[in-house]
Amino acid sequence: MIRPFGSRTIIPMKASAGELVDGDDWIHELKWDGMRGVVFVEEGDIRIQSRNGNDATAAYPELAAMGSALATFGPLVVDGEIVAVDDAGTPSFSRLQDRMHVQDPVEASRRSVSTPVTFIGFDLLHLGGHDLMGLAWEDRRNLLEQVLEEGGEWWRCASVHEGDAAALLEVVTERGLEGIVSKQRRSAYHPGKRSPSWRKIKPRRRQEFVVGGWSTGRDGRAGGIGSLLLGVQDGGGLRYVGSVGSGLDGASLEAWMQRVEEAARASSPFDGPVPPSPGRTHRWVEPTHVVEVAFGEWTPDGHLRHPSLLGLRTDKDPSEVVREA
């Protein structure tokens, strides 16, 4: 028997970037544009752990009801995604930014009304104190459906699609969703591992990057942040891949100014030169912040084309950020 609540940490299994797969051995789920959350339930209480092991319980008070609703099943652990939707009902990582970094209970409660979230559960890791991670995905899924009954607007099981992954990807693309994740039916759950038995396919190019500095702006942004300087881990060092200014405005600019001032350093954290920008000055920061960015494509020399900032990711370790296939 395993008591999973307490201080136990489970780093979630990750999907590998890859091509479309199909066949009877594979199922497909939507890739939710939210924050990964591992939910521990025990004796009527819950604890929400982010992808990098931090406690995120206080940020999402509306999910506390899961504790009492699922208490009859004994200790259990569910892996899933915390999602906020925009006015059109589409999952929005930008909208979730209003919730991800709040730890004050009173403020979190207030924001739960203006920007509510839903927990989308897609895997059951422990049940009744028993470890399920060695079971096949389809067996874990059958148990998850029995445990995670509809919780109204607050929680539910992820939908599963069988066959014709290409048609599903077309729908995802048309609706502006993040992508799909394909999973092998017989796959075990490997915590902390990036496995080819789970594959993520994105219609838009987007991934995480490490912020290693910033470039001063012009005109209305003179003296302030014009763009963030981005990098990925490559051969043990941080390699510069470009800068992003689109998506930086209003309150986000003020928040980023505070972050870069607190993380300031004298020398570049990038392994190699960063091209100068005429009329701008580069400033350097400790490479501790991770952002998610959408972009058009990679250039032949390994830089981003047409990047747009989506938001800050506090659930990703900078040491894990590499260029995705």
Protein backbone atom coordinates (compact mmCIF):
# COMPACT_ATOMS: atom_id res chain seq x y z
CA MET A 1 0.00 0.00 0.00
CA ILE A 2 1.22 3.50 -0.88
CA ARG A 3 -0.06 6.65 0.78
CA PRO A 4 0.36 9.09 -2.13
CA PHE A 5 -0.68 12.33 -0.49
CA GLY A 6 1.78 13.69 2.09
CA SER A 7 4.85 15.19 0.44
CA ARG A 8 5.17 12.64 -2.36
CA THR A 9 6.21 14.06 -5.75
CA ILE A 10 5.44 12.50 -9.13
CA ILE A 11 7.00 14.17 -12.15
CA PRO A 12 4.58 13.56 -15.03
CA MET A 13 5.34 11.40 -18.06
CA LYS A 14 5.98 13.46 -21.20
CA ALA A 15 5.11 12.97 -24.86
CA SER A 16 7.71 13.00 -27.63
CA ALA A 17 7.30 15.28 -30.65
CA GLY A 18 6.61 13.20 -33.73
CA GLU A 19 4.62 12.49 -36.87
CA LEU A 20 0.99 11.40 -37.07
CA VAL A 21 0.43 7.78 -36.09
CA ASP A 22 -2.66 5.66 -36.50
CA GLY A 23 -3.91 2.11 -36.24
CA ASP A 24 -5.73 -0.02 -33.70
CA ASP A 25 -2.82 0.21 -31.25
CA TRP A 26 -3.18 4.00 -30.89
CA ILE A 27 -5.76 6.37 -29.40
CA HIS A 28 -5.80 10.16 -29.66
CA GLU A 29 -6.56 12.94 -27.19
CA LEU A 30 -6.67 16.71 -27.58
CA LYS A 31 -3.55 18.53 -26.42
CA TRP A 32 -4.98 20.98 -23.91
CA ASP A 33 -3.54 24.49 -23.87
CA GLY A 34 -3.17 24.69 -20.10
CA MET A 35 -0.96 23.75 -17.15
CA ARG A 36 -0.11 20.16 -16.35
CA GLY A 37 -1.40 19.19 -12.92
CA VAL A 38 -0.99 16.04 -10.84
CA VAL A 39 -3.85 15.89 -8.33
CA PHE A 40 -3.33 13.93 -5.08
CA VAL A 41 -6.54 13.05 -3.19
CA GLU A 42 -6.61 11.64 0.32
CA GLU A 43 -9.13 11.76 3.17
CA GLY A 44 -11.17 14.53 1.57
CA ASP A 45 -8.22 16.82 0.80
CA ILE A 46 -6.38 17.51 -2.44
CA ARG A 47 -2.91 18.69 -3.36
CA ILE A 48 -2.12 19.93 -6.87
CA GLN A 49 1.44 19.50 -8.07
CA SER A 50 2.78 21.26 -11.18
CA ARG A 51 4.90 19.60 -13.85
CA ASN A 52 8.15 20.58 -12.12
CA GLY A 53 7.03 19.44 -8.67
CA ASN A 54 5.81 22.73 -7.16
CA ASP A 55 2.68 22.93 -5.02
CA ALA A 56 -0.05 24.78 -6.97
CA THR A 57 -3.02 23.95 -4.72
CA ALA A 58 -3.65 27.50 -3.47
CA ALA A 59 -4.01 28.88 -7.01
CA TYR A 60 -7.10 26.81 -7.85
CA PRO A 61 -9.58 26.80 -4.92
CA GLU A 62 -12.50 25.73 -7.14
CA LEU A 63 -10.85 22.30 -7.54
CA ALA A 64 -10.86 21.64 -3.78
CA ALA A 65 -14.27 19.96 -4.10
CA MET A 66 -12.57 17.03 -5.83
CA GLY A 67 -11.28 15.98 -2.41
CA SER A 68 -14.69 15.26 -0.90
CA ALA A 69 -16.19 14.03 -4.18
CA LEU A 70 -13.52 11.35 -4.66
CA ALA A 71 -12.85 10.50 -1.00
CA THR A 72 -14.77 7.20 -1.15
CA PHE A 73 -12.15 5.73 -3.50
CA GLY A 74 -9.38 6.08 -0.93
CA PRO A 75 -6.02 7.72 -1.71
CA LEU A 76 -5.61 8.34 -5.44
CA VAL A 77 -3.51 10.34 -7.90
CA VAL A 78 -4.80 11.71 -11.22
CA ASP A 79 -2.66 13.24 -13.97
CA GLY A 80 -4.25 15.90 -16.16
CA GLU A 81 -4.36 19.49 -17.35
CA ILE A 82 -5.74 22.63 -15.71
CA VAL A 83 -7.49 24.68 -18.39
CA ALA A 84 -9.06 28.13 -18.70
CA VAL A 85 -11.16 29.02 -21.75
CA ASP A 86 -11.56 32.27 -23.65
CA ASP A 87 -14.83 33.98 -24.58
CA ALA A 88 -15.26 31.58 -27.51
CA GLY A 89 -14.89 28.55 -25.24
CA THR A 90 -11.43 27.66 -26.58
CA PRO A 91 -8.68 26.60 -24.15
CA SER A 92 -6.40 29.61 -23.69
CA PHE A 93 -2.95 29.53 -22.12
CA SER A 94 -2.97 33.33 -22.21
CA ARG A 95 -6.18 33.40 -20.14
CA LEU A 96 -4.66 30.92 -17.67
CA GLN A 97 -1.83 33.40 -16.99
CA ASP A 98 -4.29 35.23 -14.74
CA ARG A 99 -4.37 32.17 -12.46
CA MET A 100 -1.03 30.34 -12.63
CA HIS A 101 1.08 32.53 -10.37
CA VAL A 102 -1.41 33.43 -7.63
CA GLN A 103 -0.68 32.01 -4.16
CA ASP A 104 -2.69 34.37 -1.95
CA PRO A 105 -5.91 32.46 -1.02
CA VAL A 106 -8.13 35.54 -1.06
CA GLU A 107 -6.88 36.69 -4.46
CA ALA A 108 -7.07 33.16 -5.87
CA SER A 109 -10.69 32.89 -4.72
CA ARG A 110 -11.54 36.19 -6.39
CA ARG A 111 -9.95 35.17 -9.67
CA SER A 112 -11.67 31.78 -9.59
CA VAL A 113 -14.90 33.70 -10.22
CA SER A 114 -13.61 35.94 -13.03
CA THR A 115 -11.39 33.29 -14.67
CA PRO A 116 -12.57 29.80 -13.65
CA VAL A 117 -10.60 26.68 -14.55
CA THR A 118 -11.45 23.05 -15.31
CA PHE A 119 -9.31 20.01 -14.53
CA ILE A 120 -9.15 17.61 -17.49
CA GLY A 121 -8.03 14.22 -16.14
CA PHE A 122 -6.35 11.85 -18.57
CA ASP A 123 -4.51 9.25 -16.45
CA LEU A 124 -4.95 7.47 -13.12
CA LEU A 125 -1.62 6.74 -11.40
CA HIS A 126 -2.70 5.48 -7.96
CA LEU A 127 -6.00 4.13 -6.66
CA GLY A 128 -6.80 3.05 -3.12
CA GLY A 129 -3.11 3.37 -2.32
CA HIS A 130 -2.09 0.97 -5.12
CA ASP A 131 0.42 1.99 -7.82
CA LEU A 132 -1.18 1.66 -11.30
CA MET A 133 1.67 3.03 -13.39
CA GLY A 134 2.81 -0.41 -14.57
CA LEU A 135 -0.61 -1.20 -16.03
CA ALA A 136 -1.46 -0.64 -19.69
CA TRP A 137 -2.92 2.77 -20.59
CA GLU A 138 -6.28 1.25 -21.55
CA ASP A 139 -6.59 -0.44 -18.14
CA ARG A 140 -5.74 2.80 -16.33
CA ARG A 141 -8.25 4.62 -18.52
CA ASN A 142 -11.05 2.19 -17.66
CA LEU A 143 -10.42 2.80 -13.96
CA LEU A 144 -10.19 6.57 -14.49
CA GLU A 145 -13.65 6.63 -16.08
CA GLN A 146 -15.08 4.85 -13.04
CA VAL A 147 -13.40 7.25 -10.60
CA LEU A 148 -13.51 10.66 -12.27
CA GLU A 149 -17.20 11.17 -12.85
CA GLU A 150 -18.35 14.45 -14.31
CA GLY A 151 -17.68 17.31 -11.90
CA GLY A 152 -19.85 19.87 -13.64
CA GLU A 153 -17.68 22.71 -14.88
CA TRP A 154 -14.82 21.91 -12.51
CA TRP A 155 -13.43 18.54 -13.64
CA ARG A 156 -13.95 15.78 -16.18
CA CYS A 157 -12.20 13.02 -18.14
CA ALA A 158 -10.37 13.89 -21.33
CA SER A 159 -12.17 12.72 -24.47
CA VAL A 160 -10.59 9.83 -26.36
CA HIS A 161 -10.69 9.55 -30.16
CA GLU A 162 -10.06 6.31 -32.03
CA GLY A 163 -8.86 6.13 -35.64
CA ASP A 164 -8.29 8.77 -38.34
CA ALA A 165 -5.78 10.98 -36.54
CA ALA A 166 -5.41 13.11 -39.68
CA ALA A 167 -9.11 14.08 -39.61
CA LEU A 168 -8.84 14.95 -35.92
CA LEU A 169 -5.78 17.10 -36.58
CA GLU A 170 -7.69 18.96 -39.32
CA VAL A 171 -10.45 19.82 -36.85
CA VAL A 172 -7.88 20.88 -34.25
CA THR A 173 -6.18 23.14 -36.80
CA GLU A 174 -9.47 24.71 -37.95
CA ARG A 175 -10.46 25.51 -34.37
CA GLY A 176 -7.08 26.92 -33.41
CA LEU A 177 -6.39 24.28 -30.74
CA GLU A 178 -2.88 23.34 -29.61
CA GLY A 179 -2.65 19.85 -31.11
CA ILE A 180 -3.21 16.19 -30.31
CA VAL A 181 -1.46 13.55 -28.21
CA SER A 182 -1.47 9.96 -29.50
CA LYS A 183 -0.98 7.15 -26.97
CA GLN A 184 -0.33 3.44 -27.36
CA ARG A 185 -3.06 1.40 -25.70
CA ARG A 186 -0.63 -0.97 -23.98
CA SER A 187 1.82 1.70 -22.80
CA ALA A 188 2.85 1.86 -19.13
CA TYR A 189 3.27 5.20 -17.35
CA HIS A 190 6.91 6.23 -16.91
CA PRO A 191 7.09 9.23 -14.53
CA GLY A 192 9.57 11.91 -15.53
CA LYS A 193 10.34 10.22 -18.86
CA ARG A 194 9.70 11.44 -22.40
CA SER A 195 8.35 8.36 -24.12
CA PRO A 196 7.76 7.53 -27.82
CA SER A 197 4.63 5.64 -26.73
CA TRP A 198 3.04 9.08 -26.24
CA ARG A 199 3.40 11.40 -29.24
CA LYS A 200 2.43 15.05 -29.53
CA ILE A 201 1.56 16.63 -32.86
CA LYS A 202 1.07 20.40 -33.10
CA PRO A 203 -0.46 22.19 -36.12
CA ARG A 204 1.29 25.39 -35.06
CA ARG A 205 4.93 25.53 -34.09
CA ARG A 206 5.24 26.39 -30.44
CA GLN A 207 7.47 25.38 -27.57
CA GLU A 208 9.18 26.63 -24.42
CA PHE A 209 12.30 28.82 -24.40
CA VAL A 210 14.61 30.16 -21.69
CA VAL A 211 14.88 33.93 -21.22
CA GLY A 212 18.55 34.93 -21.06
CA GLY A 213 18.21 38.69 -21.45
CA TRP A 214 16.26 41.52 -22.98
CA SER A 215 16.70 44.23 -25.54
CA THR A 216 15.70 47.85 -24.98
CA GLY A 217 12.78 49.22 -26.95
CA ARG A 218 12.18 52.22 -29.13
CA ASP A 219 9.72 55.10 -29.20
CA GLY A 220 7.11 54.41 -26.50
CA ARG A 221 9.23 51.59 -25.09
CA ALA A 222 12.52 53.53 -25.03
CA GLY A 223 14.50 52.52 -21.96
CA GLY A 224 12.14 49.62 -21.27
CA ILE A 225 11.77 46.14 -22.68
CA GLY A 226 11.50 45.91 -26.43
CA SER A 227 11.96 42.16 -26.66
CA LEU A 228 13.08 39.14 -24.64
CA LEU A 229 16.21 37.23 -25.72
CA LEU A 230 15.53 33.51 -25.97
CA GLY A 231 17.58 30.35 -25.88
CA VAL A 232 17.51 26.55 -25.66
CA GLN A 233 19.86 24.10 -23.98
CA ASP A 234 22.31 22.70 -26.51
CA GLY A 235 25.35 20.61 -25.62
CA GLY A 236 25.46 21.77 -22.02
CA GLY A 237 25.12 25.49 -22.80
CA LEU A 238 22.34 27.95 -23.57
CA ARG A 239 22.19 28.69 -27.31
CA TYR A 240 20.59 31.93 -28.52
CA VAL A 241 17.68 31.33 -30.94
CA GLY A 242 16.13 34.78 -31.32
CA SER A 243 14.02 37.42 -29.58
CA VAL A 244 10.31 37.99 -29.06
CA GLY A 245 8.53 41.31 -28.63
CA SER A 246 5.08 40.48 -29.96
CA GLY A 247 2.76 39.65 -27.09
CA LEU A 248 4.52 42.00 -24.67
CA ASP A 249 2.20 44.83 -23.69
CA GLY A 250 0.40 46.52 -20.83
CA ALA A 251 0.51 44.67 -17.53
CA SER A 252 2.77 41.95 -18.94
CA LEU A 253 5.46 44.54 -19.69
CA GLU A 254 5.36 45.79 -16.11
CA ALA A 255 5.58 42.25 -14.74
CA TRP A 256 8.51 41.41 -17.04
CA MET A 257 10.34 44.58 -16.08
CA GLN A 258 10.22 43.50 -12.45
CA ARG A 259 11.37 39.98 -13.31
CA VAL A 260 14.37 41.07 -15.38
CA GLU A 261 15.44 43.63 -12.79
CA GLU A 262 15.40 40.97 -10.07
CA ALA A 263 17.33 38.50 -12.24
CA ALA A 264 19.87 40.96 -13.68
CA ARG A 265 23.47 39.84 -14.23
CA ALA A 266 26.54 41.49 -15.77
CA SER A 267 27.46 38.92 -18.42
CA SER A 268 25.60 36.99 -21.09
CA PRO A 269 24.33 33.52 -20.10
CA PHE A 270 24.34 32.42 -23.73
CA ASP A 271 27.04 30.08 -24.98
CA GLY A 272 28.19 32.08 -27.99
CA PRO A 273 27.55 35.55 -29.38
CA VAL A 274 24.18 37.29 -29.53
CA PRO A 275 23.83 39.44 -32.66
CA PRO A 276 23.58 43.16 -31.90
CA SER A 277 20.38 45.05 -32.69
CA PRO A 278 20.92 48.53 -34.18
CA GLY A 279 19.71 51.25 -31.83
CA ARG A 280 19.06 48.81 -29.00
CA THR A 281 21.03 47.66 -25.95
CA HIS A 282 21.15 44.09 -24.69
CA ARG A 283 20.76 43.42 -20.96
CA TRP A 284 21.41 40.05 -19.36
CA VAL A 285 19.49 38.01 -16.79
CA GLU A 286 19.96 34.74 -14.96
CA PRO A 287 18.39 32.02 -17.17
CA THR A 288 15.68 31.07 -14.68
CA HIS A 289 12.48 32.06 -16.51
CA VAL A 290 10.78 29.87 -19.11
CA VAL A 291 8.25 31.18 -21.63
CA GLU A 292 6.03 29.57 -24.22
CA VAL A 293 6.25 31.02 -27.72
CA ALA A 294 4.37 30.43 -30.97
CA PHE A 295 6.36 30.96 -34.17
CA GLY A 296 6.24 30.49 -37.92
CA GLU A 297 9.30 28.33 -38.51
CA TRP A 298 12.98 27.76 -37.78
CA THR A 299 15.39 29.58 -40.10
CA PRO A 300 18.29 27.62 -41.65
CA ASP A 301 20.67 29.11 -39.06
CA GLY A 302 18.48 27.97 -36.15
CA HIS A 303 16.62 31.17 -35.27
CA LEU A 304 12.89 31.78 -34.77
CA ARG A 305 10.79 33.42 -37.46
CA HIS A 306 7.67 35.46 -36.55
CA PRO A 307 7.64 34.57 -32.83
CA SER A 308 4.83 35.63 -30.50
CA LEU A 309 4.94 35.38 -26.71
CA LEU A 310 2.13 33.28 -25.20
CA GLY A 311 3.08 33.48 -21.54
CA LEU A 312 5.35 32.57 -18.63
CA ARG A 313 5.74 28.89 -17.68
CA THR A 314 6.52 28.42 -14.00
CA ASP A 315 5.98 24.66 -14.36
CA LYS A 316 9.01 23.97 -16.57
CA ASP A 317 12.64 23.65 -15.45
CA PRO A 318 15.01 25.74 -17.63
CA SER A 319 17.45 22.81 -17.79
CA GLU A 320 14.83 20.76 -19.68
CA VAL A 321 14.27 23.28 -22.47
CA VAL A 322 15.70 22.00 -25.76
CA ARG A 323 14.79 22.51 -29.38
CA GLU A 324 11.86 20.20 -30.19
CA ALA A 325 11.77 18.15 -33.36
